[in-house]
């Protein structure tokens, strides 16, 4: 009888324990209470979705190092540069709208020239007028590991470029050679209404093909630029026009960048007129405007005073995009390192996706902006 009572007690306890276990596993409210607790039913899926989203790795975005355009793979090509005349007798330009960056500066005495940088030089059927290289261009080529095509130069400048280890060649002499690969790098054309030094033009595809036969490809490297889709400086002042006066002793040269809201670009104006490319008739327009104020010195050779910049010292400047402008600073870590740009608080400067006009001018060169930009008086 005692055994029977004990067995009955065990069975009773087991049945009670089973009932309690079922209630613990079922964390939902009874059906009659469900309408009063809808949050309990939807909370779990929301948490799961959020967790899944945060654990997915961010997509890798590859960009063109000079213009910020999105690429399918890292850029591992070479950057090319071509010297371009910029005195009145060398205008209009040819091929600069294919360049990612157009740099303007004094190169010797009162002579101002441009250096056009290309991530895809083969897109430019003609580039020019191509002129001889100068110390300033040799410097820039060294900082950015450029392949520099030019129309020769003084023995002083050519010795300097060799000493710097810059990969370069003279298309003025190459195109006259019998070798088809050399000849394809340039041509002369007097139908542009120019003679002598003003009618030599580089051929992008020919320059690239010849360079590839001489120089190896390079690994992916840092060119110092960062980009954003909207590069307008939010704290910037109105700058529908940006006026830059290059100065050297008594020499003065003005460049006026005029914002075109429809194109969302600045149009290059100089010598009292808006610049258009000779072959296409298209305006020369740029998404970004960079003014680099640098310490400029000169080195004398015969009757020429060749300009050089102390890029390693860094300095100040300005950045304009979308009709706005801000002051900036810039640094450089060595002769073979690129320039790096920052806002005044030290934040890396993001350029807008697109091409860039860059002025390299002495620190005492006046810059004005506004709508319109005030005239610069002597």
Protein backbone atom coordinates (compact mmCIF):
# COMPACT_ATOMS: atom_id res chain seq x y z
CA UNK A 1 0.00 0.00 0.00
CA UNK A 2 2.87 2.38 0.83
CA UNK A 3 4.47 1.54 -2.52
CA UNK A 4 1.21 2.38 -4.29
CA UNK A 5 0.95 5.72 -2.50
CA UNK A 6 4.54 6.57 -3.32
CA UNK A 7 4.10 5.71 -6.99
CA UNK A 8 0.95 7.81 -7.11
CA UNK A 9 2.82 10.76 -5.57
CA UNK A 10 5.71 10.47 -8.09
CA UNK A 11 3.31 10.36 -11.03
CA UNK A 12 1.51 13.39 -9.69
CA UNK A 13 4.77 15.34 -9.35
CA UNK A 14 5.89 14.33 -12.84
CA UNK A 15 2.61 15.45 -14.34
CA UNK A 16 2.90 18.81 -12.58
CA UNK A 17 6.52 19.21 -13.74
CA UNK A 18 5.54 18.53 -17.40
CA UNK A 19 2.86 21.13 -17.24
CA UNK A 20 5.28 23.72 -15.78
CA UNK A 21 7.91 23.01 -18.52
CA UNK A 22 5.45 23.68 -21.35
CA UNK A 23 4.51 27.02 -19.86
CA UNK A 24 8.21 28.09 -19.60
CA UNK A 25 8.93 27.28 -23.22
CA UNK A 26 5.95 29.20 -24.54
CA UNK A 27 7.00 32.83 -24.06
CA UNK A 28 4.08 34.20 -26.05
CA UNK A 29 0.95 35.36 -24.31
CA UNK A 30 -2.22 33.23 -24.53
CA UNK A 31 -4.27 33.74 -27.66
CA UNK A 32 -6.81 35.86 -25.82
CA UNK A 33 -4.07 38.29 -24.76
CA UNK A 34 -2.23 38.53 -28.14
CA UNK A 35 -3.98 41.69 -29.41
CA UNK A 36 -2.76 43.61 -26.35
CA UNK A 37 0.94 42.77 -27.07
CA UNK A 38 1.65 43.26 -30.83
CA UNK A 39 5.21 44.53 -30.13
CA UNK A 40 6.27 41.12 -28.79
CA UNK A 41 5.38 39.48 -32.13
CA UNK A 42 7.36 41.90 -34.35
CA UNK A 43 10.38 42.65 -32.17
CA UNK A 44 12.43 39.54 -33.07
CA UNK A 45 12.36 39.93 -36.90
CA UNK A 46 13.35 43.62 -36.55
CA UNK A 47 16.36 42.80 -34.37
CA UNK A 48 17.43 39.98 -36.70
CA UNK A 49 17.28 42.25 -39.79
CA UNK A 50 19.30 44.99 -38.09
CA UNK A 51 21.94 42.52 -36.92
CA UNK A 52 22.28 41.02 -40.40
CA UNK A 53 22.66 44.43 -42.00
CA UNK A 54 25.38 45.55 -39.62
CA UNK A 55 27.45 42.41 -40.07
CA UNK A 56 27.70 42.69 -43.87
CA UNK A 57 31.08 44.17 -44.98
CA UNK A 58 30.97 47.59 -46.62
CA UNK A 59 31.39 47.43 -50.41
CA UNK A 60 34.83 48.36 -51.71
CA UNK A 61 34.74 51.42 -53.97
CA UNK A 62 37.58 51.98 -56.44
CA UNK A 63 38.08 55.48 -57.82
CA UNK A 64 40.13 57.11 -60.52
CA UNK A 65 42.97 58.75 -58.54
CA UNK A 66 42.81 62.06 -60.46
CA UNK A 67 39.09 62.65 -61.03
CA UNK A 68 37.31 60.43 -58.49
CA UNK A 69 35.15 58.55 -61.00
CA UNK A 70 34.16 55.06 -59.84
CA UNK A 71 36.12 52.18 -61.38
CA UNK A 72 35.51 48.43 -61.52
CA UNK A 73 39.01 47.68 -60.20
CA UNK A 74 41.95 49.54 -58.66
CA UNK A 75 43.76 51.96 -60.98
CA UNK A 76 47.19 50.51 -61.80
CA UNK A 77 48.05 52.49 -64.91
CA UNK A 78 50.53 55.33 -65.27
CA UNK A 79 49.71 59.02 -65.04
CA UNK A 80 50.88 61.03 -68.06
CA UNK A 81 51.65 64.72 -68.34
CA UNK A 82 52.14 66.96 -71.36
CA UNK A 83 53.51 70.52 -71.37
CA UNK A 84 51.21 73.14 -72.95
CA UNK A 85 51.89 76.73 -73.97
CA UNK A 86 49.72 79.37 -72.29
CA UNK A 87 50.90 82.71 -73.64
CA UNK A 88 48.50 84.49 -75.98
CA UNK A 89 50.34 83.36 -79.11
CA UNK A 90 49.92 79.70 -78.04
CA UNK A 91 46.12 79.84 -77.81
CA UNK A 92 43.58 78.31 -78.17
CA UNK A 93 44.50 75.15 -76.31
CA UNK A 94 43.98 71.71 -77.82
CA UNK A 95 43.04 68.58 -75.87
CA UNK A 96 42.95 70.01 -72.33
CA UNK A 97 39.34 68.94 -71.76
CA UNK A 98 40.60 65.35 -71.82
CA UNK A 99 42.97 66.12 -68.95
CA UNK A 100 42.00 65.30 -65.37
CA UNK A 101 44.10 68.14 -63.95
CA UNK A 102 45.34 71.32 -65.65
CA UNK A 103 48.11 73.10 -63.73
CA UNK A 104 49.02 76.72 -64.50
CA UNK A 105 52.16 78.49 -63.26
CA UNK A 106 55.02 80.81 -64.16
CA UNK A 107 57.89 78.69 -65.47
CA UNK A 108 60.62 81.19 -66.32
CA UNK A 109 60.74 84.97 -66.12
CA UNK A 110 57.23 86.15 -67.08
CA UNK A 111 56.38 83.04 -69.15
CA UNK A 112 53.29 81.15 -68.00
CA UNK A 113 52.59 77.59 -69.14
CA UNK A 114 50.32 74.68 -68.28
CA UNK A 115 50.92 71.05 -67.44
CA UNK A 116 48.06 68.69 -68.32
CA UNK A 117 47.77 65.45 -66.32
CA UNK A 118 45.94 62.46 -67.79
CA UNK A 119 44.82 59.16 -66.31
CA UNK A 120 43.83 58.19 -69.88
CA UNK A 121 45.99 60.14 -72.32
CA UNK A 122 44.87 57.90 -75.20
CA UNK A 123 41.51 59.74 -75.17
CA UNK A 124 43.21 62.92 -76.43
CA UNK A 125 43.78 62.85 -80.19
CA UNK A 126 45.80 66.06 -80.01
CA UNK A 127 47.42 67.94 -77.10
CA UNK A 128 49.03 71.33 -77.30
CA UNK A 129 50.56 73.44 -78.30
CA UNK A 130 53.25 71.23 -76.74
CA UNK A 131 56.21 73.24 -75.41
CA UNK A 132 59.55 72.52 -73.78
CA UNK A 133 59.80 71.40 -70.18
CA UNK A 134 60.85 73.60 -67.26
CA UNK A 135 62.12 73.03 -63.70
CA UNK A 136 58.64 73.46 -62.20
CA UNK A 137 57.25 70.74 -64.47
CA UNK A 138 60.16 68.44 -63.63
CA UNK A 139 59.37 68.93 -59.93
CA UNK A 140 55.68 68.12 -60.35
CA UNK A 141 56.51 65.04 -62.43
CA UNK A 142 58.79 63.79 -59.67
CA UNK A 143 56.17 64.30 -56.94
CA UNK A 144 53.49 62.38 -58.87
CA UNK A 145 55.61 59.77 -60.67
CA UNK A 146 54.48 61.10 -64.06
CA UNK A 147 55.56 60.11 -67.52
CA UNK A 148 56.28 63.54 -69.00
CA UNK A 149 56.09 64.29 -72.73
CA UNK A 150 57.47 67.63 -73.91
CA UNK A 151 59.19 69.47 -76.75
CA UNK A 152 62.71 69.35 -75.40
CA UNK A 153 64.20 72.14 -73.31
CA UNK A 154 67.41 73.87 -72.36
CA UNK A 155 70.37 71.69 -71.37
CA UNK A 156 69.85 73.02 -67.82
CA UNK A 157 66.26 71.71 -67.65
CA UNK A 158 67.03 68.44 -69.41
CA UNK A 159 69.91 67.71 -67.04
CA UNK A 160 67.60 68.49 -64.11
CA UNK A 161 64.93 66.06 -65.27
CA UNK A 162 67.49 63.29 -65.62
CA UNK A 163 68.87 63.98 -62.15
CA UNK A 164 65.37 63.69 -60.72
CA UNK A 165 64.86 60.31 -62.37
CA UNK A 166 61.68 61.42 -64.16
CA UNK A 167 60.59 59.19 -67.02
CA UNK A 168 60.20 61.49 -70.02
CA UNK A 169 60.74 61.94 -73.74
CA UNK A 170 60.91 64.68 -76.34
CA UNK A 171 58.10 64.30 -78.87
CA UNK A 172 59.52 67.16 -80.92
CA UNK A 173 62.38 64.93 -82.02
CA UNK A 174 60.56 61.59 -81.91
CA UNK A 175 57.93 62.40 -84.53
CA UNK A 176 60.65 63.14 -87.08
CA UNK A 177 62.15 59.65 -86.73
CA UNK A 178 61.62 56.85 -89.21
CA UNK A 179 60.39 54.46 -86.51
CA UNK A 180 56.56 54.39 -86.75
CA UNK A 181 56.22 54.04 -82.98
CA UNK A 182 58.23 57.22 -82.42
CA UNK A 183 56.60 59.13 -85.26
CA UNK A 184 53.12 58.43 -83.87
CA UNK A 185 53.78 60.47 -80.70
CA UNK A 186 53.21 63.92 -82.30
CA UNK A 187 52.67 65.99 -85.43
CA UNK A 188 53.02 69.55 -86.62
CA UNK A 189 50.11 71.39 -88.22
CA UNK A 190 50.34 74.96 -89.45
CA UNK A 191 46.65 75.06 -90.41
CA UNK A 192 45.96 76.27 -86.87
CA UNK A 193 47.39 79.62 -87.93
CA UNK A 194 50.55 79.17 -85.90
CA UNK A 195 54.14 78.76 -86.91
CA UNK A 196 57.34 77.59 -85.23
CA UNK A 197 56.87 76.56 -81.62
CA UNK A 198 53.10 76.90 -81.66
CA UNK A 199 52.15 74.10 -84.04
CA UNK A 200 53.52 70.96 -82.34
CA UNK A 201 50.82 68.67 -80.92
CA UNK A 202 51.13 65.47 -78.93
CA UNK A 203 49.05 62.43 -79.89
CA UNK A 204 47.69 60.71 -76.79
CA UNK A 205 47.54 57.14 -78.06
CA UNK A 206 50.98 57.43 -79.64
CA UNK A 207 52.51 58.86 -76.47
CA UNK A 208 51.06 56.02 -74.40
CA UNK A 209 52.19 53.32 -76.84
CA UNK A 210 55.73 54.65 -76.97
CA UNK A 211 55.89 55.07 -73.19
CA UNK A 212 54.70 51.51 -72.63
CA UNK A 213 57.54 50.28 -74.85
CA UNK A 214 60.06 52.04 -72.58
CA UNK A 215 58.72 52.16 -69.04
CA UNK A 216 57.15 49.48 -66.84
CA UNK A 217 53.70 49.70 -65.37
CA UNK A 218 53.43 50.76 -61.76
CA UNK A 219 51.71 49.30 -58.74
CA UNK A 220 48.67 51.04 -57.29
CA UNK A 221 49.88 54.19 -55.50
CA UNK A 222 48.52 57.15 -53.59
CA UNK A 223 48.20 60.42 -55.51
CA UNK A 224 47.00 62.40 -52.51
CA UNK A 225 43.47 63.28 -53.68
CA UNK A 226 40.18 62.24 -52.07
CA UNK A 227 36.75 62.76 -53.59
CA UNK A 228 33.06 63.02 -52.82
CA UNK A 229 30.06 63.12 -55.12
CA UNK A 230 29.11 66.60 -53.88
CA UNK A 231 32.26 68.64 -53.38
CA UNK A 232 30.60 71.96 -52.57
CA UNK A 233 32.18 73.32 -49.36
CA UNK A 234 29.20 73.80 -47.05
CA UNK A 235 30.83 76.61 -45.06
CA UNK A 236 32.11 78.33 -48.19
CA UNK A 237 31.58 81.92 -49.27
CA UNK A 238 29.85 82.79 -52.53
CA UNK A 239 32.30 82.52 -55.40
CA UNK A 240 30.56 82.81 -58.75
CA UNK A 241 33.91 84.14 -59.90
CA UNK A 242 37.43 83.45 -58.64
CA UNK A 243 40.13 85.88 -59.78
CA UNK A 244 43.80 84.82 -59.48
CA UNK A 245 46.70 87.11 -60.22
CA UNK A 246 50.03 85.35 -60.76
CA UNK A 247 52.93 87.63 -59.85
CA UNK A 248 56.67 87.55 -60.37
CA UNK A 249 58.60 90.75 -59.74
CA UNK A 250 56.99 93.18 -62.22
CA UNK A 251 55.24 90.44 -64.22
CA UNK A 252 51.50 89.91 -63.71
CA UNK A 253 49.04 87.50 -65.29
CA UNK A 254 45.35 87.07 -64.35
CA UNK A 255 43.12 84.04 -64.59
CA UNK A 256 39.38 84.35 -63.97
CA UNK A 257 37.32 81.24 -63.23
CA UNK A 258 33.60 81.87 -63.86
CA UNK A 259 31.01 79.46 -62.46
CA UNK A 260 28.51 78.06 -64.96
CA UNK A 261 25.56 76.82 -62.87
CA UNK A 262 24.03 74.85 -65.75
CA UNK A 263 27.23 72.90 -66.36
CA UNK A 264 28.13 72.95 -62.64
CA UNK A 265 31.69 73.85 -63.64
CA UNK A 266 34.03 76.81 -63.71
CA UNK A 267 34.98 78.20 -67.13
CA UNK A 268 38.58 79.29 -67.66
CA UNK A 269 38.92 82.95 -68.71
CA UNK A 270 42.23 84.68 -69.46
CA UNK A 271 43.55 87.51 -71.59
CA UNK A 272 40.06 89.01 -71.56
CA UNK A 273 38.24 86.07 -73.13
CA UNK A 274 36.64 82.74 -72.33
CA UNK A 275 38.77 79.77 -73.35
CA UNK A 276 37.49 77.24 -75.87
CA UNK A 277 39.34 74.31 -77.37
CA UNK A 278 40.52 74.92 -80.91
CA UNK A 279 39.37 71.66 -82.51
CA UNK A 280 36.08 71.00 -80.70
CA UNK A 281 35.02 74.55 -79.86
CA UNK A 282 34.03 73.36 -76.39
CA UNK A 283 34.58 75.67 -73.40
CA UNK A 284 37.41 74.77 -71.05
CA UNK A 285 35.54 73.96 -67.85
CA UNK A 286 36.52 72.44 -64.51
CA UNK A 287 34.62 70.97 -61.57
CA UNK A 288 37.23 71.98 -59.00
CA UNK A 289 39.46 75.04 -58.61
CA UNK A 290 42.56 74.73 -56.41
CA UNK A 291 44.83 77.68 -55.65
CA UNK A 292 48.18 76.54 -54.26
CA UNK A 293 50.19 79.35 -52.69
CA UNK A 294 53.84 78.28 -52.56
CA UNK A 295 57.23 79.75 -51.81
CA UNK A 296 58.69 80.38 -55.27
CA UNK A 297 62.39 80.88 -55.97
CA UNK A 298 64.37 81.14 -59.19
CA UNK A 299 67.52 79.61 -60.59
CA UNK A 300 69.37 81.55 -63.26
CA UNK A 301 70.69 79.97 -66.41
CA UNK A 302 72.02 82.29 -69.12
CA UNK A 303 69.27 84.92 -69.56
CA UNK A 304 66.47 82.83 -68.01
CA UNK A 305 65.26 82.76 -64.42
CA UNK A 306 63.67 79.33 -63.92
CA UNK A 307 61.01 79.11 -61.24
CA UNK A 308 60.87 76.35 -58.64
CA UNK A 309 58.49 75.82 -55.72
CA UNK A 310 59.33 74.65 -52.21
CA UNK A 311 56.57 72.04 -52.21
CA UNK A 312 57.99 70.22 -49.19
CA UNK A 313 57.35 73.31 -47.03
CA UNK A 314 53.58 73.16 -47.60
CA UNK A 315 51.42 76.25 -47.44
CA UNK A 316 47.94 77.71 -47.78
CA UNK A 317 45.49 78.25 -50.63
CA UNK A 318 41.85 78.10 -51.66
CA UNK A 319 39.35 75.54 -52.94
CA UNK A 320 36.25 76.36 -55.00
CA UNK A 321 33.47 74.06 -56.16
CA UNK A 322 29.83 74.66 -57.07
CA UNK A 323 30.07 78.43 -56.67
CA UNK A 324 31.52 78.29 -53.13
CA UNK A 325 35.07 78.83 -51.86
CA UNK A 326 37.00 78.09 -48.66
CA UNK A 327 40.58 78.64 -47.49
CA UNK A 328 42.69 75.48 -47.29
CA UNK A 329 46.13 74.26 -46.30
CA UNK A 330 48.40 71.75 -48.02
CA UNK A 331 51.42 69.64 -47.15
CA UNK A 332 53.97 67.44 -48.89
CA UNK A 333 56.17 64.78 -47.27
CA UNK A 334 59.04 64.67 -49.75
CA UNK A 335 60.27 65.09 -53.33
CA UNK A 336 58.57 61.88 -54.43
CA UNK A 337 55.35 62.38 -52.48
CA UNK A 338 52.13 64.05 -53.67
CA UNK A 339 50.59 67.23 -52.30
CA UNK A 340 47.85 66.66 -49.72
CA UNK A 341 45.03 69.14 -49.12
CA UNK A 342 43.11 69.96 -45.95
CA UNK A 343 40.42 72.28 -44.69
CA UNK A 344 41.55 74.86 -42.15
CA UNK A 345 40.62 72.60 -39.21
CA UNK A 346 42.91 69.85 -40.54
CA UNK A 347 40.24 67.63 -42.11
CA UNK A 348 41.32 66.04 -45.42
CA UNK A 349 39.80 68.00 -48.29
CA UNK A 350 37.38 66.12 -50.55
CA UNK A 351 37.31 67.31 -54.15
CA UNK A 352 34.18 66.95 -56.21
CA UNK A 353 34.15 64.10 -58.73
CA UNK A 354 35.41 65.63 -61.96
CA UNK A 355 38.38 67.52 -63.42
CA UNK A 356 40.46 70.16 -61.64
CA UNK A 357 42.15 73.44 -62.51
CA UNK A 358 45.15 74.10 -60.25
CA UNK A 359 47.00 77.41 -59.98
CA UNK A 360 50.49 77.32 -58.45
CA UNK A 361 51.37 80.89 -57.56
CA UNK A 362 53.65 82.82 -55.20
CA UNK A 363 52.37 83.48 -51.69
CA UNK A 364 51.90 87.19 -52.41
CA UNK A 365 49.65 86.55 -55.41
CA UNK A 366 46.23 88.19 -54.80
CA UNK A 367 43.06 86.10 -55.01
CA UNK A 368 39.54 87.59 -54.95
CA UNK A 369 36.09 86.04 -55.26
CA UNK A 370 32.44 86.98 -55.31
CA UNK A 371 29.66 87.77 -57.76
CA UNK A 372 31.53 89.22 -59.49
CA UNK A 373 35.06 88.87 -58.10
CA UNK A 374 36.51 92.28 -57.26
CA UNK A 375 39.11 93.65 -59.62
CA UNK A 376 42.69 93.42 -58.36
CA UNK A 377 44.39 96.78 -58.32
CA UNK A 378 48.12 97.37 -58.40
